[in-house]
């Protein structure tokens, strides 16, 4: 290209020089015509070369554009296969973690530690324990439809005789994401069908060992897994989740056609502030403990909702909770408070209990990896209600509080070491004290 431009410049300069010569030095007309024709031929050749180079440049541009389009298509396909859920309503979201077998991603998480408690606690004899082991898999099915499956091989709440496949099913569901994409709002509506966490409150979202800054949970510790259908999504600074589920502890049977309904709406006015409000009804449950409805799907106080009077035929609970969180560069403070209206039906009468609960949690980073955490929580039932807490005592209790203090060292997002000491005391409805329930624990938590 450089040579062509030089030839053009030389040709134009020679032409100008020739035309500027006086008439006496031009020679005869035949010689003049010969030189002009030669210049014309050279000019035509130059134009042909320019045209050829222009065509070559256009061909190269088309190839580069095609390669870029192919790369963009490959990236779009990979993003479609990735099973990350948009951060809507902080539902248990899929993460880009684990091992891949084609489009199937496999992973695990859990905690292994040593636990010790005072004489009324569950670990009066110090021992090592598998605190929790969870195995999970996820895979895209087509377009925006995904499958997620989890097996809770070991959980803190499971008894030895419950270590069976049906007794340890975790979340297992189909996710239909971006249902509202046809209305150009991809994050507005997502549908979950199967077995999943009850979307009430927010503590359950960080219950797992790798997510919990402490080892214990709050005294109230409301959470549960149940079968049903859930809608969740977000719009602007608001997000929501609403679910209709069976309401009972059984996996395969439902003893009453009445269903539980739970809903939560969240608001994030700034990046530092998060607020939410939740409401739930457990639905009517059969009081026969031998039947499928003997226990609710929702846990409370490290136990279930259940009938307290042997003569009761039905029971249910209505609940409400508010959650708030404020984050700063090196930590956060969380707080939540809730109320449960418990009712059971007995012949010609009704028994009702009021239950109040709350917690406040503070986490502060001391170094980029070392942090300190503390949580105070309490559960109050003026008329008495069974609160297991961190104890073998399951007698009707008026109030129970717990103060948990701990240190943790987070090597990375996949590995966490932490230790905790918790103090726990309360009063039984009979007037007796609940004490000697303090506990110490150290744990290594992991996920991959």
Protein backbone atom coordinates (compact mmCIF):
# COMPACT_ATOMS: atom_id res chain seq x y z
CA UNK A 1 0.00 0.00 0.00
CA UNK A 2 2.90 2.29 0.84
CA UNK A 3 4.55 1.64 -2.60
CA UNK A 4 1.30 2.36 -4.44
CA UNK A 5 0.90 5.71 -2.72
CA UNK A 6 4.53 6.59 -3.53
CA UNK A 7 3.99 5.72 -7.24
CA UNK A 8 0.87 7.89 -7.35
CA UNK A 9 2.70 10.84 -5.85
CA UNK A 10 5.63 10.41 -8.29
CA UNK A 11 3.22 10.17 -11.25
CA UNK A 12 1.34 13.29 -10.26
CA UNK A 13 4.60 15.16 -9.68
CA UNK A 14 6.00 14.14 -13.10
CA UNK A 15 2.74 15.15 -14.80
CA UNK A 16 2.82 18.55 -13.14
CA UNK A 17 6.49 18.96 -14.07
CA UNK A 18 5.84 18.00 -17.71
CA UNK A 19 2.88 20.35 -18.05
CA UNK A 20 4.94 23.15 -16.58
CA UNK A 21 7.74 22.90 -19.18
CA UNK A 22 7.88 25.54 -21.89
CA UNK A 23 6.48 24.67 -25.35
CA UNK A 24 9.84 24.65 -26.97
CA UNK A 25 11.08 21.77 -24.78
CA UNK A 26 8.05 19.45 -25.12
CA UNK A 27 9.12 17.69 -28.35
CA UNK A 28 6.75 16.73 -31.03
CA UNK A 29 3.08 15.76 -30.57
CA UNK A 30 3.64 12.04 -31.17
CA UNK A 31 6.11 11.75 -28.32
CA UNK A 32 3.71 13.69 -26.07
CA UNK A 33 0.80 11.38 -26.83
CA UNK A 34 3.02 8.34 -26.18
CA UNK A 35 3.99 9.55 -22.71
CA UNK A 36 0.41 10.48 -21.80
CA UNK A 37 -0.79 7.01 -22.83
CA UNK A 38 1.93 5.43 -20.68
CA UNK A 39 0.81 7.50 -17.70
CA UNK A 40 -2.80 6.43 -18.29
CA UNK A 41 -1.81 2.76 -18.30
CA UNK A 42 0.15 3.15 -15.07
CA UNK A 43 -2.80 4.92 -13.46
CA UNK A 44 -5.19 2.11 -14.52
CA UNK A 45 -2.82 -0.50 -13.07
CA UNK A 46 -2.62 1.41 -9.81
CA UNK A 47 -6.41 1.65 -9.61
CA UNK A 48 -6.74 -2.12 -10.21
CA UNK A 49 -4.26 -2.85 -7.41
CA UNK A 50 -6.14 -0.49 -5.09
CA UNK A 51 -9.41 -2.28 -5.87
CA UNK A 52 -7.83 -5.69 -5.23
CA UNK A 53 -6.44 -4.57 -1.86
CA UNK A 54 -9.81 -3.07 -0.94
CA UNK A 55 -11.51 -6.41 -1.64
CA UNK A 56 -8.87 -8.27 0.41
CA UNK A 57 -9.42 -5.88 3.36
CA UNK A 58 -13.19 -6.42 3.16
CA UNK A 59 -12.71 -10.22 3.15
CA UNK A 60 -10.43 -10.04 6.21
CA UNK A 61 -12.95 -7.78 8.00
CA UNK A 62 -15.75 -10.28 7.31
CA UNK A 63 -13.66 -13.14 8.70
CA UNK A 64 -12.78 -11.17 11.87
CA UNK A 65 -16.44 -10.24 12.33
CA UNK A 66 -17.43 -13.89 11.91
CA UNK A 67 -14.89 -15.00 14.51
CA UNK A 68 -16.15 -12.37 16.94
CA UNK A 69 -19.77 -13.47 16.41
CA UNK A 70 -18.79 -17.11 16.97
CA UNK A 71 -16.98 -16.22 20.19
CA UNK A 72 -20.01 -14.26 21.39
CA UNK A 73 -22.28 -17.21 20.58
CA UNK A 74 -19.98 -19.59 22.48
CA UNK A 75 -19.93 -17.25 25.47
CA UNK A 76 -23.73 -16.97 25.39
CA UNK A 77 -24.07 -20.75 25.27
CA UNK A 78 -21.70 -21.15 28.21
CA UNK A 79 -23.59 -18.56 30.23
CA UNK A 80 -26.82 -20.39 29.43
CA UNK A 81 -25.30 -23.62 30.72
CA UNK A 82 -24.04 -22.00 33.89
CA UNK A 83 -26.58 -22.55 36.61
CA UNK A 84 -26.21 -19.36 38.53
CA UNK A 85 -29.50 -17.95 39.75
CA UNK A 86 -29.88 -14.14 39.72
CA UNK A 87 -29.54 -12.74 43.24
CA UNK A 88 -33.29 -12.44 43.68
CA UNK A 89 -34.70 -12.64 47.17
CA UNK A 90 -31.58 -14.47 48.28
CA UNK A 91 -33.11 -17.82 47.65
CA UNK A 92 -30.66 -20.68 48.01
CA UNK A 93 -28.86 -19.83 44.76
CA UNK A 94 -26.92 -22.02 42.45
CA UNK A 95 -23.21 -21.28 42.47
CA UNK A 96 -20.47 -21.88 39.94
CA UNK A 97 -18.70 -24.45 42.11
CA UNK A 98 -17.91 -28.14 42.29
CA UNK A 99 -16.81 -30.52 39.57
CA UNK A 100 -18.36 -30.67 36.10
CA UNK A 101 -19.32 -33.77 34.15
CA UNK A 102 -20.53 -32.29 30.92
CA UNK A 103 -23.36 -29.99 31.96
CA UNK A 104 -23.74 -31.65 35.38
CA UNK A 105 -22.06 -29.95 38.33
CA UNK A 106 -21.31 -31.94 41.47
CA UNK A 107 -20.37 -30.51 44.85
CA UNK A 108 -20.42 -31.00 48.59
CA UNK A 109 -20.25 -28.98 51.78
CA UNK A 110 -20.21 -29.66 55.47
CA UNK A 111 -18.58 -29.26 58.84
CA UNK A 112 -16.45 -31.52 61.03
CA UNK A 113 -15.59 -30.59 64.61
CA UNK A 114 -15.36 -31.26 68.31
CA UNK A 115 -18.28 -30.48 70.65
CA UNK A 116 -18.55 -30.26 74.42
CA UNK A 117 -21.36 -29.08 76.69
CA UNK A 118 -22.31 -28.95 80.36
CA UNK A 119 -24.25 -31.80 81.93
CA UNK A 120 -27.67 -30.76 80.57
CA UNK A 121 -26.38 -30.21 77.06
CA UNK A 122 -26.35 -32.71 74.18
CA UNK A 123 -22.55 -33.19 74.33
CA UNK A 124 -21.88 -33.78 78.02
CA UNK A 125 -19.16 -36.19 76.92
CA UNK A 126 -16.71 -34.40 74.65
CA UNK A 127 -16.55 -35.94 71.22
CA UNK A 128 -15.66 -35.45 67.58
CA UNK A 129 -18.62 -35.29 65.23
CA UNK A 130 -19.63 -34.97 61.62
CA UNK A 131 -21.77 -31.88 62.08
CA UNK A 132 -23.18 -31.86 58.55
CA UNK A 133 -22.39 -33.38 55.17
CA UNK A 134 -24.35 -32.35 52.10
CA UNK A 135 -23.95 -33.65 48.55
CA UNK A 136 -25.55 -31.82 45.66
CA UNK A 137 -25.78 -31.72 41.91
CA UNK A 138 -27.24 -29.32 39.39
CA UNK A 139 -27.71 -29.35 35.65
CA UNK A 140 -29.52 -27.39 32.95
CA UNK A 141 -32.35 -29.28 31.24
CA UNK A 142 -33.21 -26.87 28.45
CA UNK A 143 -33.12 -23.12 27.98
CA UNK A 144 -34.00 -21.60 31.41
CA UNK A 145 -35.03 -24.85 33.12
CA UNK A 146 -32.66 -26.38 35.68
CA UNK A 147 -32.63 -29.32 38.08
CA UNK A 148 -31.08 -29.14 41.55
CA UNK A 149 -30.76 -32.11 43.93
CA UNK A 150 -29.29 -32.39 47.42
CA UNK A 151 -28.76 -35.22 49.88
CA UNK A 152 -28.22 -34.33 53.54
CA UNK A 153 -26.05 -37.30 54.42
CA UNK A 154 -25.55 -35.96 57.96
CA UNK A 155 -27.26 -33.06 59.73
CA UNK A 156 -27.05 -31.81 63.29
CA UNK A 157 -30.78 -32.39 63.76
CA UNK A 158 -30.86 -35.99 62.48
CA UNK A 159 -31.03 -38.97 64.85
CA UNK A 160 -29.12 -42.19 64.18
CA UNK A 161 -32.29 -44.00 63.09
CA UNK A 162 -33.06 -41.23 60.58
CA UNK A 163 -29.97 -41.81 58.46
CA UNK A 164 -31.99 -43.03 55.50
CA UNK A 165 -32.40 -41.65 52.01
CA UNK A 166 -35.99 -40.47 52.50
CA UNK A 167 -35.22 -39.03 55.92
CA UNK A 168 -32.31 -36.96 54.63
CA UNK A 169 -33.54 -35.53 51.37
CA UNK A 170 -32.47 -31.92 51.04
CA UNK A 171 -33.64 -29.54 48.37
CA UNK A 172 -34.76 -31.29 45.19
CA UNK A 173 -36.52 -29.13 42.65
CA UNK A 174 -36.97 -27.90 39.11
CA UNK A 175 -36.27 -24.22 38.53
CA UNK A 176 -38.06 -22.39 35.72
CA UNK A 177 -36.12 -19.15 35.48
CA UNK A 178 -36.82 -15.88 33.67
CA UNK A 179 -40.47 -16.70 33.04
CA UNK A 180 -41.18 -13.00 32.46
CA UNK A 181 -38.59 -12.65 29.70
CA UNK A 182 -41.46 -12.55 27.22
CA UNK A 183 -42.43 -9.25 28.85
CA UNK A 184 -38.78 -8.06 28.77
CA UNK A 185 -38.32 -8.41 32.53
CA UNK A 186 -36.23 -11.53 33.03
CA UNK A 187 -35.83 -11.31 36.80
CA UNK A 188 -39.46 -10.62 37.70
CA UNK A 189 -40.83 -14.18 37.85
CA UNK A 190 -39.08 -17.49 38.53
CA UNK A 191 -40.88 -20.70 39.47
CA UNK A 192 -39.55 -23.47 41.72
CA UNK A 193 -41.30 -26.84 41.91
CA UNK A 194 -40.31 -29.65 44.27
CA UNK A 195 -38.78 -29.71 47.76
CA UNK A 196 -37.14 -26.52 49.00
CA UNK A 197 -36.65 -24.27 52.03
CA UNK A 198 -39.71 -22.51 53.41
CA UNK A 199 -39.22 -18.83 52.45
CA UNK A 200 -39.93 -17.45 55.94
CA UNK A 201 -37.43 -15.21 57.69
CA UNK A 202 -33.78 -15.08 56.62
CA UNK A 203 -31.68 -16.99 59.15
CA UNK A 204 -32.13 -20.26 57.24
CA UNK A 205 -30.18 -18.80 54.32
CA UNK A 206 -26.96 -18.86 56.38
CA UNK A 207 -27.57 -21.95 58.56
CA UNK A 208 -25.04 -24.17 56.80
CA UNK A 209 -21.64 -24.46 58.45
CA UNK A 210 -19.75 -22.68 55.67
CA UNK A 211 -22.13 -19.69 55.72
CA UNK A 212 -22.73 -19.35 59.47
CA UNK A 213 -20.13 -17.11 61.19
CA UNK A 214 -20.82 -19.01 64.43
CA UNK A 215 -21.42 -22.70 65.09
CA UNK A 216 -24.72 -22.45 66.97
CA UNK A 217 -27.89 -20.85 65.65
CA UNK A 218 -30.34 -18.53 67.36
CA UNK A 219 -32.69 -19.93 70.01
CA UNK A 220 -35.69 -19.46 67.71
CA UNK A 221 -33.91 -20.90 64.64
CA UNK A 222 -36.95 -21.01 62.35
CA UNK A 223 -36.37 -23.06 59.21
CA UNK A 224 -37.78 -26.02 57.32
CA UNK A 225 -37.86 -28.06 54.10
CA UNK A 226 -41.16 -28.90 52.44
CA UNK A 227 -42.68 -29.92 49.10
CA UNK A 228 -44.63 -27.40 47.04
CA UNK A 229 -44.39 -24.60 44.51
CA UNK A 230 -42.68 -21.23 44.87
CA UNK A 231 -42.62 -17.99 42.91
CA UNK A 232 -39.71 -15.62 43.47
CA UNK A 233 -38.14 -12.69 41.69
CA UNK A 234 -37.12 -9.05 41.89
CA UNK A 235 -37.90 -5.65 40.43
CA UNK A 236 -35.62 -2.73 41.14
CA UNK A 237 -34.84 -2.55 44.86
CA UNK A 238 -37.64 -4.96 45.78
CA UNK A 239 -37.62 -8.75 45.75
CA UNK A 240 -40.10 -11.37 46.86
CA UNK A 241 -40.75 -15.07 47.45
CA UNK A 242 -44.08 -16.79 48.02
CA UNK A 243 -44.66 -20.54 48.40
CA UNK A 244 -47.53 -22.98 48.87
CA UNK A 245 -46.34 -26.22 50.52
CA UNK A 246 -47.72 -29.30 52.29
CA UNK A 247 -46.87 -28.03 55.76
CA UNK A 248 -45.94 -31.36 57.40
CA UNK A 249 -42.68 -33.16 58.12
CA UNK A 250 -43.39 -36.23 55.98
CA UNK A 251 -41.92 -36.42 52.48
CA UNK A 252 -44.39 -38.72 50.71
CA UNK A 253 -47.74 -38.08 52.43
CA UNK A 254 -49.92 -35.15 53.46
CA UNK A 255 -52.44 -35.79 56.21
CA UNK A 256 -54.56 -32.70 55.51
CA UNK A 257 -55.47 -31.01 52.24
CA UNK A 258 -54.99 -27.61 53.89
CA UNK A 259 -51.61 -26.19 52.81
CA UNK A 260 -49.04 -23.93 54.37
CA UNK A 261 -48.44 -20.53 52.79
CA UNK A 262 -45.29 -18.44 53.33
CA UNK A 263 -44.31 -15.11 51.81
CA UNK A 264 -41.44 -12.66 52.14
CA UNK A 265 -40.85 -9.25 50.59
CA UNK A 266 -37.47 -7.53 50.76
CA UNK A 267 -36.26 -3.99 50.15
CA UNK A 268 -32.67 -2.82 49.62
CA UNK A 269 -32.66 0.98 49.79
CA UNK A 270 -28.85 1.06 49.58
CA UNK A 271 -26.02 -1.45 49.15
CA UNK A 272 -25.47 -1.39 52.91
CA UNK A 273 -29.07 -1.77 54.09
CA UNK A 274 -31.36 -4.76 53.66
CA UNK A 275 -34.89 -5.06 55.07
CA UNK A 276 -37.54 -7.77 54.82
CA UNK A 277 -40.91 -8.80 56.23
CA UNK A 278 -42.26 -12.36 56.29
CA UNK A 279 -45.59 -13.98 57.05
CA UNK A 280 -46.68 -17.61 57.22
CA UNK A 281 -49.48 -19.98 58.17
CA UNK A 282 -48.64 -23.64 58.73
CA UNK A 283 -52.12 -24.77 57.68
CA UNK A 284 -54.21 -27.21 59.70
CA UNK A 285 -52.25 -30.27 60.79
CA UNK A 286 -53.50 -33.56 62.21
CA UNK A 287 -52.52 -33.89 65.88
CA UNK A 288 -51.95 -37.65 65.61
CA UNK A 289 -48.17 -37.93 65.97
CA UNK A 290 -48.22 -41.37 64.36
CA UNK A 291 -49.70 -39.88 61.19
CA UNK A 292 -48.03 -37.82 58.45
CA UNK A 293 -49.10 -34.52 60.05
CA UNK A 294 -47.86 -35.16 63.58
CA UNK A 295 -45.14 -32.50 63.20
CA UNK A 296 -44.99 -29.30 61.16
CA UNK A 297 -42.38 -28.83 58.44
CA UNK A 298 -41.26 -25.63 60.16
CA UNK A 299 -38.74 -25.93 63.00
CA UNK A 300 -38.84 -23.59 65.99
CA UNK A 301 -36.71 -23.64 69.13
CA UNK A 302 -34.78 -26.66 67.78
CA UNK A 303 -38.03 -28.62 67.56
CA UNK A 304 -41.28 -28.71 65.59
CA UNK A 305 -44.73 -27.28 66.07
CA UNK A 306 -46.74 -30.17 67.52
CA UNK A 307 -49.86 -30.83 69.55
CA UNK A 308 -49.31 -30.29 73.29
CA UNK A 309 -52.60 -31.68 74.60
CA UNK A 310 -53.09 -35.45 74.09
CA UNK A 311 -56.77 -34.76 73.42
CA UNK A 312 -56.06 -32.31 70.59
CA UNK A 313 -57.31 -33.19 67.10
CA UNK A 314 -55.83 -30.36 65.02
CA UNK A 315 -53.16 -27.69 65.43
CA UNK A 316 -51.74 -24.81 63.43
CA UNK A 317 -49.63 -21.66 63.80
CA UNK A 318 -49.61 -18.22 62.19
CA UNK A 319 -46.31 -16.33 62.15
CA UNK A 320 -44.82 -12.95 61.25
CA UNK A 321 -41.20 -11.73 61.25
CA UNK A 322 -39.15 -8.68 60.30
CA UNK A 323 -35.42 -8.78 59.44
CA UNK A 324 -32.87 -6.00 59.05
CA UNK A 325 -29.19 -5.91 58.14
CA UNK A 326 -26.60 -3.15 57.93
CA UNK A 327 -23.19 -3.83 56.37
CA UNK A 328 -19.96 -1.89 56.50
CA UNK A 329 -16.58 -2.53 54.90
CA UNK A 330 -15.38 -4.91 57.63
CA UNK A 331 -18.53 -6.41 59.08
CA UNK A 332 -22.27 -6.32 59.60
CA UNK A 333 -25.05 -6.25 62.16
CA UNK A 334 -28.22 -8.31 61.74
CA UNK A 335 -31.41 -8.29 63.76
CA UNK A 336 -34.73 -10.11 63.50
CA UNK A 337 -37.86 -10.36 65.60
CA UNK A 338 -40.97 -12.47 65.19
CA UNK A 339 -44.24 -13.68 66.67
CA UNK A 340 -46.02 -17.04 66.44
CA UNK A 341 -49.69 -17.52 67.28
CA UNK A 342 -50.02 -21.23 68.11
CA UNK A 343 -53.48 -22.88 68.31
CA UNK A 344 -54.69 -26.42 68.80
CA UNK A 345 -58.22 -27.78 68.73
CA UNK A 346 -59.46 -29.99 71.54
CA UNK A 347 -63.06 -31.20 72.08
CA UNK A 348 -65.30 -28.15 72.66
CA UNK A 349 -62.30 -25.88 73.32
CA UNK A 350 -59.21 -24.28 71.88
CA UNK A 351 -55.75 -23.87 73.36
CA UNK A 352 -53.72 -20.86 72.27
CA UNK A 353 -50.09 -19.84 72.98
CA UNK A 354 -48.16 -16.67 72.17
CA UNK A 355 -44.50 -17.13 71.22
CA UNK A 356 -42.03 -14.27 70.74
CA UNK A 357 -38.45 -14.54 69.52
CA UNK A 358 -35.60 -12.29 68.39
CA UNK A 359 -31.85 -12.18 67.81
CA UNK A 360 -29.07 -9.63 67.23
CA UNK A 361 -25.82 -10.65 65.50
CA UNK A 362 -22.61 -8.67 65.00
CA UNK A 363 -19.60 -9.72 62.90
CA UNK A 364 -16.38 -7.69 62.70
CA UNK A 365 -13.26 -8.48 60.67
CA UNK A 366 -10.10 -8.10 62.75
CA UNK A 367 -7.84 -8.80 59.76
CA UNK A 368 -8.76 -9.60 56.15
CA UNK A 369 -9.30 -13.26 57.15
CA UNK A 370 -9.79 -13.28 60.94
CA UNK A 371 -13.15 -12.19 62.35
CA UNK A 372 -15.03 -12.05 65.65
CA UNK A 373 -18.75 -12.79 65.92
CA UNK A 374 -21.41 -12.54 68.60
CA UNK A 375 -25.11 -13.28 68.72
CA UNK A 376 -27.71 -12.83 71.46
CA UNK A 377 -31.10 -14.51 70.99
CA UNK A 378 -34.15 -15.22 73.10
CA UNK A 379 -37.47 -17.03 72.83
CA UNK A 380 -40.39 -16.15 75.11
CA UNK A 381 -43.67 -18.03 75.64
CA UNK A 382 -45.59 -16.59 78.64
CA UNK A 383 -47.90 -19.63 78.78
CA UNK A 384 -45.07 -22.07 78.17
CA UNK A 385 -43.95 -24.00 75.12
CA UNK A 386 -41.39 -26.84 74.62
CA UNK A 387 -38.03 -25.29 73.68
CA UNK A 388 -35.24 -27.77 73.12
CA UNK A 389 -32.49 -25.22 72.67
CA UNK A 390 -28.99 -26.57 73.32
CA UNK A 391 -30.29 -29.10 75.85
CA UNK A 392 -31.74 -32.53 76.43
CA UNK A 393 -34.60 -30.85 78.35
CA UNK A 394 -37.82 -30.58 76.38
CA UNK A 395 -40.15 -29.43 79.15
CA UNK A 396 -42.57 -26.48 78.64
CA UNK A 397 -40.41 -23.37 79.00
CA UNK A 398 -41.36 -19.76 79.67
CA UNK A 399 -38.23 -18.17 78.24
CA UNK A 400 -34.79 -19.23 76.99
CA UNK A 401 -31.83 -17.06 75.99
CA UNK A 402 -28.44 -17.79 74.43
CA UNK A 403 -25.28 -15.70 74.06
CA UNK A 404 -22.81 -17.05 71.49
CA UNK A 405 -19.29 -15.64 71.09
CA UNK A 406 -16.78 -16.87 68.55
CA UNK A 407 -13.72 -16.36 66.40
CA UNK A 408 -13.28 -17.51 62.82
CA UNK A 409 -10.55 -17.65 60.21
CA UNK A 410 -11.78 -17.77 56.62
CA UNK A 411 -8.93 -19.08 54.46
CA UNK A 412 -11.05 -18.56 51.36
CA UNK A 413 -14.68 -18.97 50.34
CA UNK A 414 -14.27 -22.74 50.39
CA UNK A 415 -12.70 -23.29 53.83
CA UNK A 416 -13.45 -21.86 57.27
CA UNK A 417 -12.09 -22.58 60.75
CA UNK A 418 -14.11 -21.33 63.74
CA UNK A 419 -14.57 -21.76 67.47
CA UNK A 420 -17.40 -20.72 69.80
CA UNK A 421 -18.52 -20.64 73.40
CA UNK A 422 -22.25 -20.26 74.08
CA UNK A 423 -24.06 -19.50 77.33
CA UNK A 424 -27.69 -20.62 77.66
CA UNK A 425 -30.22 -20.22 80.46
CA UNK A 426 -33.97 -20.08 80.89
CA UNK A 427 -37.01 -20.65 83.08
CA UNK A 428 -39.47 -23.51 82.89
CA UNK A 429 -43.21 -22.93 83.20
CA UNK A 430 -43.06 -24.84 86.49
CA UNK A 431 -40.77 -22.15 87.89
CA UNK A 432 -37.56 -24.17 87.75
CA UNK A 433 -34.42 -22.80 86.11
CA UNK A 434 -32.81 -24.12 82.98
CA UNK A 435 -29.06 -24.09 83.36
CA UNK A 436 -25.93 -26.17 82.84
CA UNK A 437 -26.52 -25.97 79.08
CA UNK A 438 -23.43 -23.97 78.06
CA UNK A 439 -21.38 -25.40 75.24
CA UNK A 440 -18.04 -25.12 73.45
CA UNK A 441 -17.31 -26.18 69.88
CA UNK A 442 -14.59 -25.91 67.25
CA UNK A 443 -15.26 -26.73 63.62
CA UNK A 444 -13.75 -26.87 60.16
CA UNK A 445 -16.32 -26.03 57.46
CA UNK A 446 -15.84 -26.58 53.74
CA UNK A 447 -17.54 -26.55 50.35
CA UNK A 448 -16.52 -27.38 46.81
